[in-house]
Amino acid sequence: MVPISYGMTIGHIAGLLKELELKNVSTILLVGGFGECKLVQEAMKKAVGRRTVIVSVVLKEAVMFSHQPRLISSRRLKYAYG
């Protein structure tokens, strides 16, 4: 069972996606604490049908780094973008 606040948010998003202006939305991006919750991920996937759901915690890490740069002592990326 999805907590009520998440359930209301997911229901709201599902309702918005039924509107004519948003019918062509094909991808949903979940970020941060909301996106990390497996329960929310599964409920969102079920609610949005065939649309792609992408989960990203990179944004959360970027915000943490901007507030506390010493929090991350090194970065190891196979590829860098930007």
PDB file of N, CA and C in Angstrom:
ATOM      1  N   MET A   1       0.834  -1.188   0.000  1.00  0.00           N
ATOM      2  CA  MET A   1       0.000   0.000   0.000  1.00  0.00           C
ATOM      3  C   MET A   1       0.875   1.246   0.000  1.00  0.00           C
ATOM      4  N   VAL A   2       0.571   2.206  -0.869  1.00  0.00           N
ATOM      5  CA  VAL A   2       1.328   3.444  -0.990  1.00  0.00           C
ATOM      6  C   VAL A   2       0.869   4.430   0.073  1.00  0.00           C
ATOM      7  N   PRO A   3       1.832   5.087   0.783  1.00  0.00           N
ATOM      8  CA  PRO A   3       1.429   6.105   1.756  1.00  0.00           C
ATOM      9  C   PRO A   3       0.527   7.148   1.107  1.00  0.00           C
ATOM     10  N   ILE A   4      -0.393   7.707   1.876  1.00  0.00           N
ATOM     11  CA  ILE A   4      -1.433   8.585   1.338  1.00  0.00           C
ATOM     12  C   ILE A   4      -0.860   9.777   0.572  1.00  0.00           C
ATOM     13  N   SER A   5       0.206  10.407   1.066  1.00  0.00           N
ATOM     14  CA  SER A   5       0.750  11.571   0.360  1.00  0.00           C
ATOM     15  C   SER A   5       1.304  11.169  -1.004  1.00  0.00           C
ATOM     16  N   TYR A   6       1.983  10.040  -1.073  1.00  0.00           N
ATOM     17  CA  TYR A   6       2.492   9.557  -2.358  1.00  0.00           C
ATOM     18  C   TYR A   6       1.340   9.143  -3.259  1.00  0.00           C
ATOM     19  N   GLY A   7       0.370   8.471  -2.679  1.00  0.00           N
ATOM     20  CA  GLY A   7      -0.784   8.031  -3.460  1.00  0.00           C
ATOM     21  C   GLY A   7      -1.522   9.196  -4.078  1.00  0.00           C
ATOM     22  N   MET A   8      -1.657  10.282  -3.332  1.00  0.00           N
ATOM     23  CA  MET A   8      -2.338  11.472  -3.854  1.00  0.00           C
ATOM     24  C   MET A   8      -1.518  12.102  -4.982  1.00  0.00           C
ATOM     25  N   THR A   9      -0.214  12.140  -4.811  1.00  0.00           N
ATOM     26  CA  THR A   9       0.663  12.716  -5.841  1.00  0.00           C
ATOM     27  C   THR A   9       0.614  11.891  -7.116  1.00  0.00           C
ATOM     28  N   ILE A  10       0.697  10.585  -6.971  1.00  0.00           N
ATOM     29  CA  ILE A  10       0.656   9.695  -8.130  1.00  0.00           C
ATOM     30  C   ILE A  10      -0.696   9.797  -8.823  1.00  0.00           C
ATOM     31  N   GLY A  11      -1.764   9.848  -8.050  1.00  0.00           N
ATOM     32  CA  GLY A  11      -3.098  10.009  -8.625  1.00  0.00           C
ATOM     33  C   GLY A  11      -3.229  11.323  -9.377  1.00  0.00           C
ATOM     34  N   HIS A  12      -2.649  12.370  -8.825  1.00  0.00           N
ATOM     35  CA  HIS A  12      -2.686  13.679  -9.486  1.00  0.00           C
ATOM     36  C   HIS A  12      -1.933  13.634 -10.816  1.00  0.00           C
ATOM     37  N   ILE A  13      -0.755  13.024 -10.820  1.00  0.00           N
ATOM     38  CA  ILE A  13       0.035  12.914 -12.049  1.00  0.00           C
ATOM     39  C   ILE A  13      -0.713  12.083 -13.084  1.00  0.00           C
ATOM     40  N   ALA A  14      -1.290  10.980 -12.666  1.00  0.00           N
ATOM     41  CA  ALA A  14      -2.054  10.128 -13.586  1.00  0.00           C
ATOM     42  C   ALA A  14      -3.218  10.918 -14.183  1.00  0.00           C
ATOM     43  N   GLY A  15      -3.875  11.736 -13.366  1.00  0.00           N
ATOM     44  CA  GLY A  15      -4.974  12.563 -13.853  1.00  0.00           C
ATOM     45  C   GLY A  15      -4.497  13.603 -14.860  1.00  0.00           C
ATOM     46  N   LEU A  16      -3.363  14.220 -14.581  1.00  0.00           N
ATOM     47  CA  LEU A  16      -2.808  15.215 -15.505  1.00  0.00           C
ATOM     48  C   LEU A  16      -2.476  14.593 -16.852  1.00  0.00           C
ATOM     49  N   LEU A  17      -1.959  13.379 -16.827  1.00  0.00           N
ATOM     50  CA  LEU A  17      -1.564  12.709 -18.069  1.00  0.00           C
ATOM     51  C   LEU A  17      -2.754  12.349 -18.946  1.00  0.00           C
ATOM     52  N   LYS A  18      -3.950  12.422 -18.404  1.00  0.00           N
ATOM     53  CA  LYS A  18      -5.155  12.158 -19.198  1.00  0.00           C
ATOM     54  C   LYS A  18      -5.631  13.405 -19.951  1.00  0.00           C
ATOM     55  N   GLU A  19      -5.083  14.560 -19.576  1.00  0.00           N
ATOM     56  CA  GLU A  19      -5.474  15.803 -20.240  1.00  0.00           C
ATOM     57  C   GLU A  19      -4.889  15.851 -21.645  1.00  0.00           C
ATOM     58  N   LEU A  20      -5.621  16.473 -22.548  1.00  0.00           N
ATOM     59  CA  LEU A  20      -5.253  16.536 -23.956  1.00  0.00           C
ATOM     60  C   LEU A  20      -3.838  17.088 -24.167  1.00  0.00           C
ATOM     61  N   GLU A  21      -3.482  18.137 -23.440  1.00  0.00           N
ATOM     62  CA  GLU A  21      -2.168  18.771 -23.612  1.00  0.00           C
ATOM     63  C   GLU A  21      -1.011  17.855 -23.221  1.00  0.00           C
ATOM     64  N   LEU A  22      -1.265  16.874 -22.379  1.00  0.00           N
ATOM     65  CA  LEU A  22      -0.195  16.000 -21.883  1.00  0.00           C
ATOM     66  C   LEU A  22      -0.279  14.573 -22.414  1.00  0.00           C
ATOM     67  N   LYS A  23      -1.168  14.316 -23.333  1.00  0.00           N
ATOM     68  CA  LYS A  23      -1.335  12.961 -23.865  1.00  0.00           C
ATOM     69  C   LYS A  23      -0.057  12.426 -24.510  1.00  0.00           C
ATOM     70  N   ASN A  24       0.779  13.308 -25.064  1.00  0.00           N
ATOM     71  CA  ASN A  24       1.986  12.868 -25.759  1.00  0.00           C
ATOM     72  C   ASN A  24       3.207  12.714 -24.863  1.00  0.00           C
ATOM     73  N   VAL A  25       3.053  12.954 -23.562  1.00  0.00           N
ATOM     74  CA  VAL A  25       4.172  12.759 -22.638  1.00  0.00           C
ATOM     75  C   VAL A  25       4.501  11.273 -22.609  1.00  0.00           C
ATOM     76  N   SER A  26       5.758  10.949 -22.875  1.00  0.00           N
ATOM     77  CA  SER A  26       6.140   9.544 -22.957  1.00  0.00           C
ATOM     78  C   SER A  26       7.072   9.101 -21.835  1.00  0.00           C
ATOM     79  N   THR A  27       7.638  10.066 -21.096  1.00  0.00           N
ATOM     80  CA  THR A  27       8.619   9.732 -20.066  1.00  0.00           C
ATOM     81  C   THR A  27       8.342  10.510 -18.788  1.00  0.00           C
ATOM     82  N   ILE A  28       8.426   9.830 -17.662  1.00  0.00           N
ATOM     83  CA  ILE A  28       8.271  10.440 -16.342  1.00  0.00           C
ATOM     84  C   ILE A  28       9.614  10.301 -15.629  1.00  0.00           C
ATOM     85  N   LEU A  29      10.106  11.382 -15.025  1.00  0.00           N
ATOM     86  CA  LEU A  29      11.385  11.375 -14.314  1.00  0.00           C
ATOM     87  C   LEU A  29      11.130  11.521 -12.819  1.00  0.00           C
ATOM     88  N   LEU A  30      11.564  10.542 -12.047  1.00  0.00           N
ATOM     89  CA  LEU A  30      11.459  10.592 -10.587  1.00  0.00           C
ATOM     90  C   LEU A  30      12.837  10.912 -10.031  1.00  0.00           C
ATOM     91  N   VAL A  31      12.918  11.895  -9.143  1.00  0.00           N
ATOM     92  CA  VAL A  31      14.217  12.282  -8.593  1.00  0.00           C
ATOM     93  C   VAL A  31      14.164  12.371  -7.076  1.00  0.00           C
ATOM     94  N   GLY A  32      15.326  12.294  -6.476  1.00  0.00           N
ATOM     95  CA  GLY A  32      15.465  12.493  -5.039  1.00  0.00           C
ATOM     96  C   GLY A  32      14.756  11.448  -4.200  1.00  0.00           C
ATOM     97  N   GLY A  33      14.346  11.857  -3.010  1.00  0.00           N
ATOM     98  CA  GLY A  33      13.709  10.944  -2.073  1.00  0.00           C
ATOM     99  C   GLY A  33      12.450  10.312  -2.630  1.00  0.00           C
ATOM    100  N   PHE A  34      11.678  11.091  -3.377  1.00  0.00           N
ATOM    101  CA  PHE A  34      10.454  10.572  -3.986  1.00  0.00           C
ATOM    102  C   PHE A  34      10.791   9.433  -4.942  1.00  0.00           C
ATOM    103  N   GLY A  35      11.791   9.649  -5.759  1.00  0.00           N
ATOM    104  CA  GLY A  35      12.161   8.657  -6.756  1.00  0.00           C
ATOM    105  C   GLY A  35      12.873   7.442  -6.197  1.00  0.00           C
ATOM    106  N   GLU A  36      13.494   7.569  -5.044  1.00  0.00           N
ATOM    107  CA  GLU A  36      14.239   6.458  -4.456  1.00  0.00           C
ATOM    108  C   GLU A  36      13.338   5.377  -3.876  1.00  0.00           C
ATOM    109  N   CYS A  37      12.143   5.723  -3.513  1.00  0.00           N
ATOM    110  CA  CYS A  37      11.233   4.787  -2.858  1.00  0.00           C
ATOM    111  C   CYS A  37      10.714   3.746  -3.859  1.00  0.00           C
ATOM    112  N   LYS A  38      11.061   2.484  -3.648  1.00  0.00           N
ATOM    113  CA  LYS A  38      10.644   1.402  -4.554  1.00  0.00           C
ATOM    114  C   LYS A  38       9.125   1.295  -4.626  1.00  0.00           C
ATOM    115  N   LEU A  39       8.470   1.531  -3.523  1.00  0.00           N
ATOM    116  CA  LEU A  39       7.011   1.474  -3.478  1.00  0.00           C
ATOM    117  C   LEU A  39       6.409   2.527  -4.406  1.00  0.00           C
ATOM    118  N   VAL A  40       6.963   3.723  -4.352  1.00  0.00           N
ATOM    119  CA  VAL A  40       6.491   4.810  -5.211  1.00  0.00           C
ATOM    120  C   VAL A  40       6.814   4.510  -6.671  1.00  0.00           C
ATOM    121  N   GLN A  41       8.002   3.976  -6.927  1.00  0.00           N
ATOM    122  CA  GLN A  41       8.389   3.634  -8.299  1.00  0.00           C
ATOM    123  C   GLN A  41       7.383   2.666  -8.920  1.00  0.00           C
ATOM    124  N   GLU A  42       7.067   1.617  -8.201  1.00  0.00           N
ATOM    125  CA  GLU A  42       6.135   0.615  -8.715  1.00  0.00           C
ATOM    126  C   GLU A  42       4.732   1.184  -8.906  1.00  0.00           C
ATOM    127  N   ALA A  43       4.287   1.988  -7.943  1.00  0.00           N
ATOM    128  CA  ALA A  43       2.955   2.601  -8.054  1.00  0.00           C
ATOM    129  C   ALA A  43       2.906   3.557  -9.240  1.00  0.00           C
ATOM    130  N   MET A  44       3.987   4.302  -9.455  1.00  0.00           N
ATOM    131  CA  MET A  44       4.037   5.240 -10.576  1.00  0.00           C
ATOM    132  C   MET A  44       4.009   4.482 -11.903  1.00  0.00           C
ATOM    133  N   LYS A  45       4.794   3.429 -12.011  1.00  0.00           N
ATOM    134  CA  LYS A  45       4.823   2.631 -13.241  1.00  0.00           C
ATOM    135  C   LYS A  45       3.435   2.076 -13.560  1.00  0.00           C
ATOM    136  N   LYS A  46       2.758   1.629 -12.531  1.00  0.00           N
ATOM    137  CA  LYS A  46       1.410   1.089 -12.714  1.00  0.00           C
ATOM    138  C   LYS A  46       0.426   2.189 -13.133  1.00  0.00           C
ATOM    139  N   ALA A  47       0.588   3.375 -12.562  1.00  0.00           N
ATOM    140  CA  ALA A  47      -0.356   4.473 -12.812  1.00  0.00           C
ATOM    141  C   ALA A  47      -0.190   5.122 -14.183  1.00  0.00           C
ATOM    142  N   VAL A  48       1.037   5.112 -14.728  1.00  0.00           N
ATOM    143  CA  VAL A  48       1.273   5.836 -15.981  1.00  0.00           C
ATOM    144  C   VAL A  48       1.229   4.934 -17.209  1.00  0.00           C
ATOM    145  N   GLY A  49       0.925   3.672 -17.017  1.00  0.00           N
ATOM    146  CA  GLY A  49       0.750   2.764 -18.154  1.00  0.00           C
ATOM    147  C   GLY A  49       2.014   2.495 -18.927  1.00  0.00           C
ATOM    148  N   ARG A  50       1.957   2.700 -20.237  1.00  0.00           N
ATOM    149  CA  ARG A  50       3.078   2.346 -21.110  1.00  0.00           C
ATOM    150  C   ARG A  50       4.193   3.387 -21.128  1.00  0.00           C
ATOM    151  N   ARG A  51       4.049   4.446 -20.403  1.00  0.00           N
ATOM    152  CA  ARG A  51       5.087   5.481 -20.393  1.00  0.00           C
ATOM    153  C   ARG A  51       6.338   4.973 -19.676  1.00  0.00           C
ATOM    154  N   THR A  52       7.473   5.528 -20.061  1.00  0.00           N
ATOM    155  CA  THR A  52       8.749   5.171 -19.443  1.00  0.00           C
ATOM    156  C   THR A  52       8.908   5.942 -18.142  1.00  0.00           C
ATOM    157  N   VAL A  53       9.342   5.253 -17.086  1.00  0.00           N
ATOM    158  CA  VAL A  53       9.619   5.899 -15.805  1.00  0.00           C
ATOM    159  C   VAL A  53      11.118   5.780 -15.555  1.00  0.00           C
ATOM    160  N   ILE A  54      11.784   6.923 -15.425  1.00  0.00           N
ATOM    161  CA  ILE A  54      13.222   6.963 -15.164  1.00  0.00           C
ATOM    162  C   ILE A  54      13.428   7.421 -13.736  1.00  0.00           C
ATOM    163  N   VAL A  55      14.283   6.711 -13.018  1.00  0.00           N
ATOM    164  CA  VAL A  55      14.592   7.061 -11.631  1.00  0.00           C
ATOM    165  C   VAL A  55      16.008   7.625 -11.599  1.00  0.00           C
ATOM    166  N   SER A  56      16.164   8.809 -11.026  1.00  0.00           N
ATOM    167  CA  SER A  56      17.480   9.453 -10.985  1.00  0.00           C
ATOM    168  C   SER A  56      17.771   9.949  -9.581  1.00  0.00           C
ATOM    169  N   VAL A  57      18.889   9.503  -9.030  1.00  0.00           N
ATOM    170  CA  VAL A  57      19.339  10.025  -7.742  1.00  0.00           C
ATOM    171  C   VAL A  57      20.533  10.948  -7.945  1.00  0.00           C
ATOM    172  N   VAL A  58      20.964  11.116  -9.197  1.00  0.00           N
ATOM    173  CA  VAL A  58      22.101  11.981  -9.495  1.00  0.00           C
ATOM    174  C   VAL A  58      21.803  13.415  -9.097  1.00  0.00           C
ATOM    175  N   LEU A  59      20.592  13.878  -9.352  1.00  0.00           N
ATOM    176  CA  LEU A  59      20.224  15.243  -9.003  1.00  0.00           C
ATOM    177  C   LEU A  59      20.372  15.477  -7.507  1.00  0.00           C
ATOM    178  N   LYS A  60      19.963  14.512  -6.714  1.00  0.00           N
ATOM    179  CA  LYS A  60      20.073  14.638  -5.260  1.00  0.00           C
ATOM    180  C   LYS A  60      21.543  14.784  -4.858  1.00  0.00           C
ATOM    181  N   GLU A  61      22.405  13.970  -5.459  1.00  0.00           N
ATOM    182  CA  GLU A  61      23.832  14.034  -5.160  1.00  0.00           C
ATOM    183  C   GLU A  61      24.419  15.378  -5.586  1.00  0.00           C
ATOM    184  N   ALA A  62      23.972  15.915  -6.706  1.00  0.00           N
ATOM    185  CA  ALA A  62      24.464  17.212  -7.176  1.00  0.00           C
ATOM    186  C   ALA A  62      24.086  18.319  -6.199  1.00  0.00           C
ATOM    187  N   VAL A  63      22.874  18.265  -5.685  1.00  0.00           N
ATOM    188  CA  VAL A  63      22.433  19.269  -4.708  1.00  0.00           C
ATOM    189  C   VAL A  63      23.240  19.135  -3.422  1.00  0.00           C
ATOM    190  N   MET A  64      23.460  17.907  -2.969  1.00  0.00           N
ATOM    191  CA  MET A  64      24.263  17.692  -1.763  1.00  0.00           C
ATOM    192  C   MET A  64      25.675  18.246  -1.962  1.00  0.00           C
ATOM    193  N   PHE A  65      26.252  18.000  -3.137  1.00  0.00           N
ATOM    194  CA  PHE A  65      27.608  18.474  -3.429  1.00  0.00           C
ATOM    195  C   PHE A  65      27.663  19.995  -3.437  1.00  0.00           C
ATOM    196  N   SER A  66      26.616  20.642  -3.965  1.00  0.00           N
ATOM    197  CA  SER A  66      26.618  22.108  -4.022  1.00  0.00           C
ATOM    198  C   SER A  66      26.575  22.723  -2.626  1.00  0.00           C
ATOM    199  N   HIS A  67      25.977  22.021  -1.673  1.00  0.00           N
ATOM    200  CA  HIS A  67      25.891  22.528  -0.299  1.00  0.00           C
ATOM    201  C   HIS A  67      27.101  22.135   0.537  1.00  0.00           C
ATOM    202  N   GLN A  68      27.670  20.965   0.244  1.00  0.00           N
ATOM    203  CA  GLN A  68      28.821  20.472   1.003  1.00  0.00           C
ATOM    204  C   GLN A  68      29.834  19.850   0.044  1.00  0.00           C
ATOM    205  N   PRO A  69      30.655  20.673  -0.628  1.00  0.00           N
ATOM    206  CA  PRO A  69      31.590  20.149  -1.624  1.00  0.00           C
ATOM    207  C   PRO A  69      32.573  19.123  -1.067  1.00  0.00           C
ATOM    208  N   ARG A  70      32.897  19.203   0.198  1.00  0.00           N
ATOM    209  CA  ARG A  70      33.863  18.260   0.788  1.00  0.00           C
ATOM    210  C   ARG A  70      33.242  16.899   1.082  1.00  0.00           C
ATOM    211  N   LEU A  71      31.934  16.810   0.919  1.00  0.00           N
ATOM    212  CA  LEU A  71      31.221  15.559   1.157  1.00  0.00           C
ATOM    213  C   LEU A  71      31.698  14.464   0.198  1.00  0.00           C
ATOM    214  N   ILE A  72      32.028  14.861  -1.027  1.00  0.00           N
ATOM    215  CA  ILE A  72      32.505  13.918  -2.036  1.00  0.00           C
ATOM    216  C   ILE A  72      33.992  14.162  -2.213  1.00  0.00           C
ATOM    217  N   SER A  73      34.803  13.159  -1.878  1.00  0.00           N
ATOM    218  CA  SER A  73      36.251  13.348  -1.921  1.00  0.00           C
ATOM    219  C   SER A  73      36.837  13.080  -3.301  1.00  0.00           C
ATOM    220  N   SER A  74      36.190  12.239  -4.087  1.00  0.00           N
ATOM    221  CA  SER A  74      36.672  11.989  -5.450  1.00  0.00           C
ATOM    222  C   SER A  74      35.526  11.484  -6.304  1.00  0.00           C
ATOM    223  N   ARG A  75      35.705  11.617  -7.613  1.00  0.00           N
ATOM    224  CA  ARG A  75      34.706  11.147  -8.561  1.00  0.00           C
ATOM    225  C   ARG A  75      35.404  10.211  -9.536  1.00  0.00           C
ATOM    226  N   ARG A  76      34.746   9.128  -9.852  1.00  0.00           N
ATOM    227  CA  ARG A  76      35.298   8.177 -10.811  1.00  0.00           C
ATOM    228  C   ARG A  76      34.228   7.848 -11.831  1.00  0.00           C
ATOM    229  N   LEU A  77      34.353   8.457 -12.977  1.00  0.00           N
ATOM    230  CA  LEU A  77      33.386   8.227 -14.048  1.00  0.00           C
ATOM    231  C   LEU A  77      34.077   7.613 -15.243  1.00  0.00           C
ATOM    232  N   LYS A  78      33.436   6.649 -15.847  1.00  0.00           N
ATOM    233  CA  LYS A  78      33.975   6.087 -17.058  1.00  0.00           C
ATOM    234  C   LYS A  78      33.871   7.116 -18.176  1.00  0.00           C
ATOM    235  N   TYR A  79      32.759   7.855 -18.191  1.00  0.00           N
ATOM    236  CA  TYR A  79      32.539   8.903 -19.182  1.00  0.00           C
ATOM    237  C   TYR A  79      32.073  10.161 -18.464  1.00  0.00           C
ATOM    238  N   ALA A  80      32.471  11.312 -18.970  1.00  0.00           N
ATOM    239  CA  ALA A  80      32.020  12.587 -18.416  1.00  0.00           C
ATOM    240  C   ALA A  80      31.233  13.325 -19.485  1.00  0.00           C
ATOM    241  N   TYR A  81      30.162  13.949 -19.080  1.00  0.00           N
ATOM    242  CA  TYR A  81      29.328  14.715 -19.993  1.00  0.00           C
ATOM    243  C   TYR A  81      29.369  16.169 -19.601  1.00  0.00           C
ATOM    244  N   GLY A  82      29.452  17.034 -20.578  1.00  0.00           N
ATOM    245  CA  GLY A  82      29.414  18.452 -20.274  1.00  0.00           C
ATOM    246  C   GLY A  82      30.737  19.129 -20.434  1.00  0.00           C
TER     247      GLY A  82
END
